[in-house]
PDB file of N, CA and C in Angstrom:
ATOM      1  N   MET A   1       5.415  40.359  63.020  1.00  0.00           N
ATOM      2  CA  MET A   1       6.538  39.594  62.540  1.00  0.00           C
ATOM      3  C   MET A   1       7.478  40.478  61.722  1.00  0.00           C
ATOM      4  N   LEU A   2       6.894  41.315  60.848  1.00  0.00           N
ATOM      5  CA  LEU A   2       7.710  42.203  60.021  1.00  0.00           C
ATOM      6  C   LEU A   2       8.484  43.182  60.899  1.00  0.00           C
ATOM      7  N   ARG A   3       7.836  43.728  61.928  1.00  0.00           N
ATOM      8  CA  ARG A   3       8.519  44.660  62.824  1.00  0.00           C
ATOM      9  C   ARG A   3       9.682  43.980  63.544  1.00  0.00           C
ATOM     10  N   MET A   4       9.469  42.743  63.975  1.00  0.00           N
ATOM     11  CA  MET A   4      10.532  42.021  64.671  1.00  0.00           C
ATOM     12  C   MET A   4      11.699  41.773  63.721  1.00  0.00           C
ATOM     13  N   SER A   5      11.422  41.382  62.492  1.00  0.00           N
ATOM     14  CA  SER A   5      12.482  41.139  61.512  1.00  0.00           C
ATOM     15  C   SER A   5      13.259  42.419  61.234  1.00  0.00           C
ATOM     16  N   LEU A   6      12.526  43.531  61.087  1.00  0.00           N
ATOM     17  CA  LEU A   6      13.173  44.816  60.846  1.00  0.00           C
ATOM     18  C   LEU A   6      14.029  45.214  62.045  1.00  0.00           C
ATOM     19  N   ALA A   7      13.531  45.030  63.236  1.00  0.00           N
ATOM     20  CA  ALA A   7      14.287  45.366  64.440  1.00  0.00           C
ATOM     21  C   ALA A   7      15.560  44.535  64.536  1.00  0.00           C
ATOM     22  N   LEU A   8      15.455  43.233  64.260  1.00  0.00           N
ATOM     23  CA  LEU A   8      16.636  42.379  64.295  1.00  0.00           C
ATOM     24  C   LEU A   8      17.651  42.795  63.237  1.00  0.00           C
ATOM     25  N   PHE A   9      17.182  43.176  62.056  1.00  0.00           N
ATOM     26  CA  PHE A   9      18.075  43.637  60.997  1.00  0.00           C
ATOM     27  C   PHE A   9      18.806  44.902  61.428  1.00  0.00           C
ATOM     28  N   LEU A  10      18.097  45.848  62.002  1.00  0.00           N
ATOM     29  CA  LEU A  10      18.720  47.108  62.420  1.00  0.00           C
ATOM     30  C   LEU A  10      19.725  46.893  63.540  1.00  0.00           C
ATOM     31  N   ILE A  11      19.448  45.957  64.416  1.00  0.00           N
ATOM     32  CA  ILE A  11      20.387  45.652  65.494  1.00  0.00           C
ATOM     33  C   ILE A  11      21.622  44.958  64.940  1.00  0.00           C
ATOM     34  N   ALA A  12      21.452  44.040  64.008  1.00  0.00           N
ATOM     35  CA  ALA A  12      22.573  43.261  63.482  1.00  0.00           C
ATOM     36  C   ALA A  12      23.420  44.035  62.479  1.00  0.00           C
ATOM     37  N   THR A  13      22.862  45.001  61.778  1.00  0.00           N
ATOM     38  CA  THR A  13      23.589  45.697  60.727  1.00  0.00           C
ATOM     39  C   THR A  13      24.852  46.395  61.211  1.00  0.00           C
ATOM     40  N   PRO A  14      24.843  47.177  62.319  1.00  0.00           N
ATOM     41  CA  PRO A  14      26.081  47.820  62.747  1.00  0.00           C
ATOM     42  C   PRO A  14      27.181  46.811  63.075  1.00  0.00           C
ATOM     43  N   ALA A  15      26.844  45.697  63.674  1.00  0.00           N
ATOM     44  CA  ALA A  15      27.848  44.692  63.998  1.00  0.00           C
ATOM     45  C   ALA A  15      28.446  44.111  62.723  1.00  0.00           C
ATOM     46  N   PHE A  16      27.615  43.865  61.734  1.00  0.00           N
ATOM     47  CA  PHE A  16      28.119  43.337  60.474  1.00  0.00           C
ATOM     48  C   PHE A  16      29.049  44.343  59.813  1.00  0.00           C
ATOM     49  N   ALA A  17      28.657  45.601  59.783  1.00  0.00           N
ATOM     50  CA  ALA A  17      29.479  46.629  59.150  1.00  0.00           C
ATOM     51  C   ALA A  17      30.804  46.776  59.883  1.00  0.00           C
ATOM     52  N   HIS A  18      30.803  46.683  61.187  1.00  0.00           N
ATOM     53  CA  HIS A  18      32.021  46.833  61.974  1.00  0.00           C
ATOM     54  C   HIS A  18      33.014  45.720  61.663  1.00  0.00           C
ATOM     55  N   HIS A  19      32.537  44.520  61.465  1.00  0.00           N
ATOM     56  CA  HIS A  19      33.424  43.376  61.300  1.00  0.00           C
ATOM     57  C   HIS A  19      33.741  43.053  59.845  1.00  0.00           C
ATOM     58  N   GLY A  20      33.107  43.743  58.914  1.00  0.00           N
ATOM     59  CA  GLY A  20      33.324  43.439  57.510  1.00  0.00           C
ATOM     60  C   GLY A  20      34.619  44.027  56.968  1.00  0.00           C
ATOM     61  N   TRP A  21      34.862  43.757  55.715  1.00  0.00           N
ATOM     62  CA  TRP A  21      36.065  44.221  55.027  1.00  0.00           C
ATOM     63  C   TRP A  21      35.737  45.364  54.072  1.00  0.00           C
ATOM     64  N   GLY A  22      34.494  45.837  54.060  1.00  0.00           N
ATOM     65  CA  GLY A  22      34.053  46.851  53.110  1.00  0.00           C
ATOM     66  C   GLY A  22      34.810  48.164  53.164  1.00  0.00           C
ATOM     67  N   GLY A  23      35.335  48.543  54.311  1.00  0.00           N
ATOM     68  CA  GLY A  23      36.052  49.810  54.428  1.00  0.00           C
ATOM     69  C   GLY A  23      37.536  49.700  54.144  1.00  0.00           C
ATOM     70  N   GLN A  24      37.961  48.534  53.674  1.00  0.00           N
ATOM     71  CA  GLN A  24      39.387  48.293  53.423  1.00  0.00           C
ATOM     72  C   GLN A  24      39.652  48.201  51.927  1.00  0.00           C
ATOM     73  N   GLU A  25      40.879  48.518  51.523  1.00  0.00           N
ATOM     74  CA  GLU A  25      41.286  48.335  50.135  1.00  0.00           C
ATOM     75  C   GLU A  25      41.328  46.847  49.798  1.00  0.00           C
ATOM     76  N   GLU A  26      41.164  46.516  48.542  1.00  0.00           N
ATOM     77  CA  GLU A  26      41.280  45.116  48.117  1.00  0.00           C
ATOM     78  C   GLU A  26      42.722  44.659  48.132  1.00  0.00           C
ATOM     79  N   ALA A  27      43.639  45.552  47.763  1.00  0.00           N
ATOM     80  CA  ALA A  27      45.060  45.206  47.689  1.00  0.00           C
ATOM     81  C   ALA A  27      45.622  44.932  49.082  1.00  0.00           C
ATOM     82  N   VAL A  28      46.532  43.974  49.156  1.00  0.00           N
ATOM     83  CA  VAL A  28      47.221  43.671  50.405  1.00  0.00           C
ATOM     84  C   VAL A  28      48.486  44.536  50.465  1.00  0.00           C
ATOM     85  N   THR A  29      48.668  45.209  51.586  1.00  0.00           N
ATOM     86  CA  THR A  29      49.805  46.093  51.818  1.00  0.00           C
ATOM     87  C   THR A  29      50.695  45.482  52.892  1.00  0.00           C
ATOM     88  N   SER A  30      52.007  45.673  52.776  1.00  0.00           N
ATOM     89  CA  SER A  30      52.956  45.232  53.802  1.00  0.00           C
ATOM     90  C   SER A  30      53.565  46.442  54.478  1.00  0.00           C
ATOM     91  N   LEU A  31      53.736  46.355  55.790  1.00  0.00           N
ATOM     92  CA  LEU A  31      54.375  47.403  56.581  1.00  0.00           C
ATOM     93  C   LEU A  31      55.371  46.764  57.530  1.00  0.00           C
ATOM     94  N   THR A  32      56.472  47.454  57.795  1.00  0.00           N
ATOM     95  CA  THR A  32      57.407  47.032  58.831  1.00  0.00           C
ATOM     96  C   THR A  32      57.525  48.185  59.799  1.00  0.00           C
ATOM     97  N   GLY A  33      57.345  47.887  61.089  1.00  0.00           N
ATOM     98  CA  GLY A  33      57.384  48.942  62.084  1.00  0.00           C
ATOM     99  C   GLY A  33      57.722  48.421  63.464  1.00  0.00           C
ATOM    100  N   THR A  34      57.692  49.336  64.408  1.00  0.00           N
ATOM    101  CA  THR A  34      58.023  49.054  65.799  1.00  0.00           C
ATOM    102  C   THR A  34      56.743  49.015  66.624  1.00  0.00           C
ATOM    103  N   VAL A  35      56.616  48.006  67.461  1.00  0.00           N
ATOM    104  CA  VAL A  35      55.420  47.851  68.292  1.00  0.00           C
ATOM    105  C   VAL A  35      55.375  48.972  69.330  1.00  0.00           C
ATOM    106  N   VAL A  36      54.257  49.704  69.330  1.00  0.00           N
ATOM    107  CA  VAL A  36      54.007  50.773  70.294  1.00  0.00           C
ATOM    108  C   VAL A  36      53.084  50.260  71.398  1.00  0.00           C
ATOM    109  N   GLN A  37      52.114  49.452  70.990  1.00  0.00           N
ATOM    110  CA  GLN A  37      51.193  48.800  71.929  1.00  0.00           C
ATOM    111  C   GLN A  37      51.056  47.357  71.473  1.00  0.00           C
ATOM    112  N   GLY A  38      51.370  46.440  72.358  1.00  0.00           N
ATOM    113  CA  GLY A  38      51.334  45.022  72.018  1.00  0.00           C
ATOM    114  C   GLY A  38      49.923  44.519  71.777  1.00  0.00           C
ATOM    115  N   VAL A  39      49.834  43.262  71.466  1.00  0.00           N
ATOM    116  CA  VAL A  39      48.549  42.622  71.179  1.00  0.00           C
ATOM    117  C   VAL A  39      47.625  42.743  72.384  1.00  0.00           C
ATOM    118  N   SER A  40      46.409  43.195  72.122  1.00  0.00           N
ATOM    119  CA  SER A  40      45.354  43.254  73.134  1.00  0.00           C
ATOM    120  C   SER A  40      44.216  42.363  72.662  1.00  0.00           C
ATOM    121  N   MET A  41      43.738  41.534  73.551  1.00  0.00           N
ATOM    122  CA  MET A  41      42.623  40.635  73.221  1.00  0.00           C
ATOM    123  C   MET A  41      41.283  41.191  73.699  1.00  0.00           C
ATOM    124  N   ALA A  42      41.265  42.431  74.158  1.00  0.00           N
ATOM    125  CA  ALA A  42      40.019  43.058  74.611  1.00  0.00           C
ATOM    126  C   ALA A  42      39.195  43.477  73.391  1.00  0.00           C
ATOM    127  N   GLY A  43      37.910  43.427  73.520  1.00  0.00           N
ATOM    128  CA  GLY A  43      37.040  43.875  72.441  1.00  0.00           C
ATOM    129  C   GLY A  43      36.696  42.762  71.471  1.00  0.00           C
ATOM    130  N   PRO A  44      35.926  43.113  70.442  1.00  0.00           N
ATOM    131  CA  PRO A  44      35.494  42.103  69.482  1.00  0.00           C
ATOM    132  C   PRO A  44      36.621  41.610  68.582  1.00  0.00           C
ATOM    133  N   HIS A  45      37.679  42.392  68.446  1.00  0.00           N
ATOM    134  CA  HIS A  45      38.843  42.005  67.656  1.00  0.00           C
ATOM    135  C   HIS A  45      40.095  42.267  68.472  1.00  0.00           C
ATOM    136  N   ALA A  46      41.101  41.418  68.301  1.00  0.00           N
ATOM    137  CA  ALA A  46      42.409  41.697  68.884  1.00  0.00           C
ATOM    138  C   ALA A  46      42.969  42.918  68.155  1.00  0.00           C
ATOM    139  N   THR A  47      43.805  43.694  68.838  1.00  0.00           N
ATOM    140  CA  THR A  47      44.381  44.887  68.243  1.00  0.00           C
ATOM    141  C   THR A  47      45.859  44.982  68.582  1.00  0.00           C
ATOM    142  N   MET A  48      46.535  45.871  67.890  1.00  0.00           N
ATOM    143  CA  MET A  48      47.959  46.115  68.092  1.00  0.00           C
ATOM    144  C   MET A  48      48.250  47.471  67.460  1.00  0.00           C
ATOM    145  N   THR A  49      49.281  48.155  67.925  1.00  0.00           N
ATOM    146  CA  THR A  49      49.662  49.446  67.356  1.00  0.00           C
ATOM    147  C   THR A  49      51.150  49.421  67.050  1.00  0.00           C
ATOM    148  N   ILE A  50      51.493  49.884  65.828  1.00  0.00           N
ATOM    149  CA  ILE A  50      52.907  49.960  65.448  1.00  0.00           C
ATOM    150  C   ILE A  50      53.224  51.355  64.913  1.00  0.00           C
ATOM    151  N   LYS A  51      54.499  51.697  64.955  1.00  0.00           N
ATOM    152  CA  LYS A  51      54.956  52.960  64.391  1.00  0.00           C
ATOM    153  C   LYS A  51      55.789  52.645  63.158  1.00  0.00           C
ATOM    154  N   VAL A  52      55.422  53.262  62.038  1.00  0.00           N
ATOM    155  CA  VAL A  52      56.116  53.110  60.769  1.00  0.00           C
ATOM    156  C   VAL A  52      56.567  54.510  60.356  1.00  0.00           C
ATOM    157  N   ALA A  53      57.884  54.735  60.341  1.00  0.00           N
ATOM    158  CA  ALA A  53      58.436  56.077  60.108  1.00  0.00           C
ATOM    159  C   ALA A  53      57.834  57.017  61.151  1.00  0.00           C
ATOM    160  N   ASN A  54      57.125  58.062  60.732  1.00  0.00           N
ATOM    161  CA  ASN A  54      56.529  59.007  61.686  1.00  0.00           C
ATOM    162  C   ASN A  54      55.051  58.741  61.942  1.00  0.00           C
ATOM    163  N   ASP A  55      54.515  57.679  61.370  1.00  0.00           N
ATOM    164  CA  ASP A  55      53.082  57.394  61.479  1.00  0.00           C
ATOM    165  C   ASP A  55      52.809  56.249  62.443  1.00  0.00           C
ATOM    166  N   VAL A  56      51.770  56.414  63.241  1.00  0.00           N
ATOM    167  CA  VAL A  56      51.318  55.351  64.146  1.00  0.00           C
ATOM    168  C   VAL A  56      50.132  54.668  63.478  1.00  0.00           C
ATOM    169  N   TRP A  57      50.230  53.345  63.349  1.00  0.00           N
ATOM    170  CA  TRP A  57      49.210  52.543  62.678  1.00  0.00           C
ATOM    171  C   TRP A  57      48.438  51.717  63.690  1.00  0.00           C
ATOM    172  N   ASP A  58      47.109  51.784  63.607  1.00  0.00           N
ATOM    173  CA  ASP A  58      46.223  50.938  64.407  1.00  0.00           C
ATOM    174  C   ASP A  58      45.929  49.689  63.589  1.00  0.00           C
ATOM    175  N   LEU A  59      46.250  48.536  64.165  1.00  0.00           N
ATOM    176  CA  LEU A  59      46.041  47.265  63.483  1.00  0.00           C
ATOM    177  C   LEU A  59      44.868  46.530  64.116  1.00  0.00           C
ATOM    178  N   THR A  60      43.919  46.149  63.305  1.00  0.00           N
ATOM    179  CA  THR A  60      42.810  45.326  63.750  1.00  0.00           C
ATOM    180  C   THR A  60      43.119  43.905  63.317  1.00  0.00           C
ATOM    181  N   LEU A  61      43.135  43.003  64.282  1.00  0.00           N
ATOM    182  CA  LEU A  61      43.420  41.594  64.007  1.00  0.00           C
ATOM    183  C   LEU A  61      42.103  40.821  63.993  1.00  0.00           C
ATOM    184  N   ALA A  62      42.196  39.536  64.030  1.00  0.00           N
ATOM    185  CA  ALA A  62      41.018  38.674  64.068  1.00  0.00           C
ATOM    186  C   ALA A  62      40.365  38.748  65.451  1.00  0.00           C
ATOM    187  N   PRO A  63      39.139  38.234  65.594  1.00  0.00           N
ATOM    188  CA  PRO A  63      38.553  38.110  66.927  1.00  0.00           C
ATOM    189  C   PRO A  63      39.493  37.299  67.828  1.00  0.00           C
ATOM    190  N   PRO A  64      39.496  37.577  69.131  1.00  0.00           N
ATOM    191  CA  PRO A  64      40.442  36.913  70.038  1.00  0.00           C
ATOM    192  C   PRO A  64      40.559  35.391  69.896  1.00  0.00           C
ATOM    193  N   PRO A  65      39.471  34.618  69.801  1.00  0.00           N
ATOM    194  CA  PRO A  65      39.653  33.165  69.675  1.00  0.00           C
ATOM    195  C   PRO A  65      40.433  32.771  68.413  1.00  0.00           C
ATOM    196  N   ARG A  66      40.171  33.461  67.322  1.00  0.00           N
ATOM    197  CA  ARG A  66      40.871  33.161  66.073  1.00  0.00           C
ATOM    198  C   ARG A  66      42.330  33.605  66.157  1.00  0.00           C
ATOM    199  N   ALA A  67      42.595  34.777  66.752  1.00  0.00           N
ATOM    200  CA  ALA A  67      43.971  35.254  66.926  1.00  0.00           C
ATOM    201  C   ALA A  67      44.759  34.287  67.811  1.00  0.00           C
ATOM    202  N   GLU A  68      44.111  33.763  68.857  1.00  0.00           N
ATOM    203  CA  GLU A  68      44.776  32.791  69.737  1.00  0.00           C
ATOM    204  C   GLU A  68      45.079  31.493  68.995  1.00  0.00           C
ATOM    205  N   ARG A  69      44.160  31.047  68.140  1.00  0.00           N
ATOM    206  CA  ARG A  69      44.418  29.839  67.342  1.00  0.00           C
ATOM    207  C   ARG A  69      45.608  30.034  66.409  1.00  0.00           C
ATOM    208  N   ALA A  70      45.842  31.289  65.998  1.00  0.00           N
ATOM    209  CA  ALA A  70      46.991  31.597  65.140  1.00  0.00           C
ATOM    210  C   ALA A  70      48.286  31.674  65.949  1.00  0.00           C
ATOM    211  N   GLY A  71      48.167  31.584  67.292  1.00  0.00           N
ATOM    212  CA  GLY A  71      49.342  31.597  68.155  1.00  0.00           C
ATOM    213  C   GLY A  71      49.593  32.895  68.880  1.00  0.00           C
ATOM    214  N   LEU A  72      48.762  33.907  68.646  1.00  0.00           N
ATOM    215  CA  LEU A  72      48.953  35.197  69.318  1.00  0.00           C
ATOM    216  C   LEU A  72      48.370  35.192  70.718  1.00  0.00           C
ATOM    217  N   LYS A  73      49.018  35.937  71.597  1.00  0.00           N
ATOM    218  CA  LYS A  73      48.472  36.180  72.925  1.00  0.00           C
ATOM    219  C   LYS A  73      49.088  37.472  73.443  1.00  0.00           C
ATOM    220  N   GLU A  74      48.448  38.055  74.426  1.00  0.00           N
ATOM    221  CA  GLU A  74      48.950  39.294  75.004  1.00  0.00           C
ATOM    222  C   GLU A  74      50.334  39.068  75.596  1.00  0.00           C
ATOM    223  N   GLY A  75      51.234  40.024  75.394  1.00  0.00           N
ATOM    224  CA  GLY A  75      52.578  39.954  75.946  1.00  0.00           C
ATOM    225  C   GLY A  75      53.562  39.160  75.110  1.00  0.00           C
ATOM    226  N   LEU A  76      53.099  38.493  74.077  1.00  0.00           N
ATOM    227  CA  LEU A  76      53.963  37.655  73.252  1.00  0.00           C
ATOM    228  C   LEU A  76      54.958  38.484  72.432  1.00  0.00           C
ATOM    229  N   ILE A  77      54.482  39.568  71.836  1.00  0.00           N
ATOM    230  CA  ILE A  77      55.330  40.454  71.042  1.00  0.00           C
ATOM    231  C   ILE A  77      55.529  41.730  71.868  1.00  0.00           C
ATOM    232  N   PRO A  78      56.747  41.977  72.362  1.00  0.00           N
ATOM    233  CA  PRO A  78      56.949  43.092  73.281  1.00  0.00           C
ATOM    234  C   PRO A  78      56.950  44.465  72.596  1.00  0.00           C
ATOM    235  N   VAL A  79      56.598  45.479  73.358  1.00  0.00           N
ATOM    236  CA  VAL A  79      56.726  46.861  72.898  1.00  0.00           C
ATOM    237  C   VAL A  79      58.190  47.077  72.535  1.00  0.00           C
ATOM    238  N   GLY A  80      58.425  47.735  71.414  1.00  0.00           N
ATOM    239  CA  GLY A  80      59.780  47.981  70.932  1.00  0.00           C
ATOM    240  C   GLY A  80      60.262  46.979  69.899  1.00  0.00           C
ATOM    241  N   ALA A  81      59.556  45.858  69.776  1.00  0.00           N
ATOM    242  CA  ALA A  81      59.936  44.833  68.804  1.00  0.00           C
ATOM    243  C   ALA A  81      59.620  45.312  67.386  1.00  0.00           C
ATOM    244  N   THR A  82      60.381  44.820  66.434  1.00  0.00           N
ATOM    245  CA  THR A  82      60.112  45.095  65.017  1.00  0.00           C
ATOM    246  C   THR A  82      59.254  43.970  64.467  1.00  0.00           C
ATOM    247  N   VAL A  83      58.197  44.352  63.767  1.00  0.00           N
ATOM    248  CA  VAL A  83      57.299  43.380  63.145  1.00  0.00           C
ATOM    249  C   VAL A  83      57.050  43.774  61.694  1.00  0.00           C
ATOM    250  N   MET A  84      56.736  42.780  60.888  1.00  0.00           N
ATOM    251  CA  MET A  84      56.254  43.010  59.534  1.00  0.00           C
ATOM    252  C   MET A  84      54.817  42.513  59.515  1.00  0.00           C
ATOM    253  N   VAL A  85      53.940  43.350  58.978  1.00  0.00           N
ATOM    254  CA  VAL A  85      52.526  42.974  58.918  1.00  0.00           C
ATOM    255  C   VAL A  85      52.035  43.105  57.487  1.00  0.00           C
ATOM    256  N   ARG A  86      51.034  42.284  57.171  1.00  0.00           N
ATOM    257  CA  ARG A  86      50.353  42.392  55.883  1.00  0.00           C
ATOM    258  C   ARG A  86      48.867  42.461  56.158  1.00  0.00           C
ATOM    259  N   GLY A  87      48.199  43.258  55.351  1.00  0.00           N
ATOM    260  CA  GLY A  87      46.762  43.368  55.505  1.00  0.00           C
ATOM    261  C   GLY A  87      46.172  44.362  54.525  1.00  0.00           C
ATOM    262  N   ASN A  88      44.919  44.705  54.772  1.00  0.00           N
ATOM    263  CA  ASN A  88      44.179  45.604  53.906  1.00  0.00           C
ATOM    264  C   ASN A  88      43.974  46.923  54.643  1.00  0.00           C
ATOM    265  N   ARG A  89      44.585  47.976  54.102  1.00  0.00           N
ATOM    266  CA  ARG A  89      44.504  49.265  54.787  1.00  0.00           C
ATOM    267  C   ARG A  89      43.149  49.934  54.559  1.00  0.00           C
ATOM    268  N   ASN A  90      42.846  50.893  55.405  1.00  0.00           N
ATOM    269  CA  ASN A  90      41.606  51.640  55.321  1.00  0.00           C
ATOM    270  C   ASN A  90      41.534  52.363  53.977  1.00  0.00           C
ATOM    271  N   LEU A  91      40.343  52.437  53.405  1.00  0.00           N
ATOM    272  CA  LEU A  91      40.158  53.164  52.144  1.00  0.00           C
ATOM    273  C   LEU A  91      40.529  54.638  52.287  1.00  0.00           C
ATOM    274  N   ASP A  92      40.346  55.189  53.471  1.00  0.00           N
ATOM    275  CA  ASP A  92      40.700  56.583  53.749  1.00  0.00           C
ATOM    276  C   ASP A  92      42.164  56.626  54.180  1.00  0.00           C
ATOM    277  N   HIS A  93      43.047  57.041  53.279  1.00  0.00           N
ATOM    278  CA  HIS A  93      44.473  57.026  53.567  1.00  0.00           C
ATOM    279  C   HIS A  93      44.891  58.046  54.612  1.00  0.00           C
ATOM    280  N   ALA A  94      43.996  58.927  55.002  1.00  0.00           N
ATOM    281  CA  ALA A  94      44.294  59.841  56.105  1.00  0.00           C
ATOM    282  C   ALA A  94      44.294  59.084  57.431  1.00  0.00           C
ATOM    283  N   LYS A  95      43.646  57.933  57.455  1.00  0.00           N
ATOM    284  CA  LYS A  95      43.619  57.068  58.632  1.00  0.00           C
ATOM    285  C   LYS A  95      44.706  56.017  58.477  1.00  0.00           C
ATOM    286  N   HIS A  96      45.535  55.872  59.469  1.00  0.00           N
ATOM    287  CA  HIS A  96      46.569  54.848  59.438  1.00  0.00           C
ATOM    288  C   HIS A  96      46.028  53.620  60.166  1.00  0.00           C
ATOM    289  N   GLU A  97      45.158  52.917  59.459  1.00  0.00           N
ATOM    290  CA  GLU A  97      44.494  51.734  60.002  1.00  0.00           C
ATOM    291  C   GLU A  97      44.603  50.595  59.003  1.00  0.00           C
ATOM    292  N   MET A  98      44.774  49.396  59.533  1.00  0.00           N
ATOM    293  CA  MET A  98      44.870  48.212  58.684  1.00  0.00           C
ATOM    294  C   MET A  98      44.153  47.055  59.346  1.00  0.00           C
ATOM    295  N   LYS A  99      43.382  46.338  58.575  1.00  0.00           N
ATOM    296  CA  LYS A  99      42.825  45.063  59.028  1.00  0.00           C
ATOM    297  C   LYS A  99      43.881  44.027  58.665  1.00  0.00           C
ATOM    298  N   THR A 100      44.551  43.509  59.660  1.00  0.00           N
ATOM    299  CA  THR A 100      45.761  42.728  59.478  1.00  0.00           C
ATOM    300  C   THR A 100      45.458  41.244  59.308  1.00  0.00           C
ATOM    301  N   ILE A 101      46.121  40.629  58.318  1.00  0.00           N
ATOM    302  CA  ILE A 101      45.919  39.209  58.053  1.00  0.00           C
ATOM    303  C   ILE A 101      47.119  38.360  58.467  1.00  0.00           C
ATOM    304  N   TYR A 102      48.283  39.013  58.685  1.00  0.00           N
ATOM    305  CA  TYR A 102      49.524  38.277  58.937  1.00  0.00           C
ATOM    306  C   TYR A 102      50.490  39.168  59.716  1.00  0.00           C
ATOM    307  N   ILE A 103      51.178  38.579  60.683  1.00  0.00           N
ATOM    308  CA  ILE A 103      52.220  39.274  61.444  1.00  0.00           C
ATOM    309  C   ILE A 103      53.449  38.378  61.476  1.00  0.00           C
ATOM    310  N   LYS A 104      54.615  38.986  61.247  1.00  0.00           N
ATOM    311  CA  LYS A 104      55.880  38.256  61.386  1.00  0.00           C
ATOM    312  C   LYS A 104      56.714  38.989  62.427  1.00  0.00           C
ATOM    313  N   HIS A 105      57.164  38.235  63.430  1.00  0.00           N
ATOM    314  CA  HIS A 105      58.025  38.766  64.484  1.00  0.00           C
ATOM    315  C   HIS A 105      59.195  37.812  64.619  1.00  0.00           C
ATOM    316  N   GLY A 106      60.382  38.257  64.189  1.00  0.00           N
ATOM    317  CA  GLY A 106      61.525  37.344  64.176  1.00  0.00           C
ATOM    318  C   GLY A 106      61.218  36.190  63.239  1.00  0.00           C
ATOM    319  N   ALA A 107      61.406  34.978  63.712  1.00  0.00           N
ATOM    320  CA  ALA A 107      61.114  33.791  62.901  1.00  0.00           C
ATOM    321  C   ALA A 107      59.654  33.356  63.023  1.00  0.00           C
ATOM    322  N   ALA A 108      58.922  33.938  63.973  1.00  0.00           N
ATOM    323  CA  ALA A 108      57.530  33.541  64.205  1.00  0.00           C
ATOM    324  C   ALA A 108      56.586  34.212  63.214  1.00  0.00           C
ATOM    325  N   GLU A 109      55.633  33.451  62.716  1.00  0.00           N
ATOM    326  CA  GLU A 109      54.613  33.953  61.795  1.00  0.00           C
ATOM    327  C   GLU A 109      53.234  33.639  62.349  1.00  0.00           C
ATOM    328  N   TYR A 110      52.352  34.636  62.303  1.00  0.00           N
ATOM    329  CA  TYR A 110      50.995  34.496  62.820  1.00  0.00           C
ATOM    330  C   TYR A 110      50.025  34.822  61.684  1.00  0.00           C
ATOM    331  N   HIS A 111      49.356  33.806  61.194  1.00  0.00           N
ATOM    332  CA  HIS A 111      48.408  33.943  60.083  1.00  0.00           C
ATOM    333  C   HIS A 111      46.999  34.012  60.673  1.00  0.00           C
ATOM    334  N   VAL A 112      46.534  35.228  60.966  1.00  0.00           N
ATOM    335  CA  VAL A 112      45.222  35.367  61.609  1.00  0.00           C
ATOM    336  C   VAL A 112      44.063  35.262  60.625  1.00  0.00           C
ATOM    337  N   TYR A 113      44.304  35.532  59.357  1.00  0.00           N
ATOM    338  CA  TYR A 113      43.312  35.323  58.299  1.00  0.00           C
ATOM    339  C   TYR A 113      44.004  34.619  57.129  1.00  0.00           C
ATOM    340  N   PRO A 114      44.412  33.350  57.276  1.00  0.00           N
ATOM    341  CA  PRO A 114      45.153  32.671  56.213  1.00  0.00           C
ATOM    342  C   PRO A 114      44.363  32.540  54.924  1.00  0.00           C
ATOM    343  N   ASP A 115      43.041  32.536  55.013  1.00  0.00           N
ATOM    344  CA  ASP A 115      42.200  32.431  53.818  1.00  0.00           C
ATOM    345  C   ASP A 115      42.220  33.700  52.976  1.00  0.00           C
ATOM    346  N   ARG A 116      42.781  34.807  53.496  1.00  0.00           N
ATOM    347  CA  ARG A 116      42.811  36.075  52.762  1.00  0.00           C
ATOM    348  C   ARG A 116      44.194  36.381  52.210  1.00  0.00           C
ATOM    349  N   GLU A 117      45.173  35.533  52.473  1.00  0.00           N
ATOM    350  CA  GLU A 117      46.550  35.816  52.021  1.00  0.00           C
ATOM    351  C   GLU A 117      46.715  35.536  50.550  1.00  0.00           C
TER     352      GLU A 117
END
């Protein structure tokens, strides 16, 4: 029984670490940039890529079902569009990564983690 519990813990731990907020700053940061890669619903989290000045930022959104409930879908925000995003950036500032809680495109607002705003 102990071995099974330990095995389940070891299997579940990487997934928990991947989806947690532990690697992000506590402060919420805002960025405005141009969409380089639109919303993708592939993988455990929806993703998007924007360019801010000379830096390309990888945005991790909510899991696809939650992102869809917020109104996001693939192709909705076109490449080249200007967006404003808010979220928690990676603790390592050498990485241009953000776990995104909110996206604004034109008049549309997508609150993928409204409980964190």
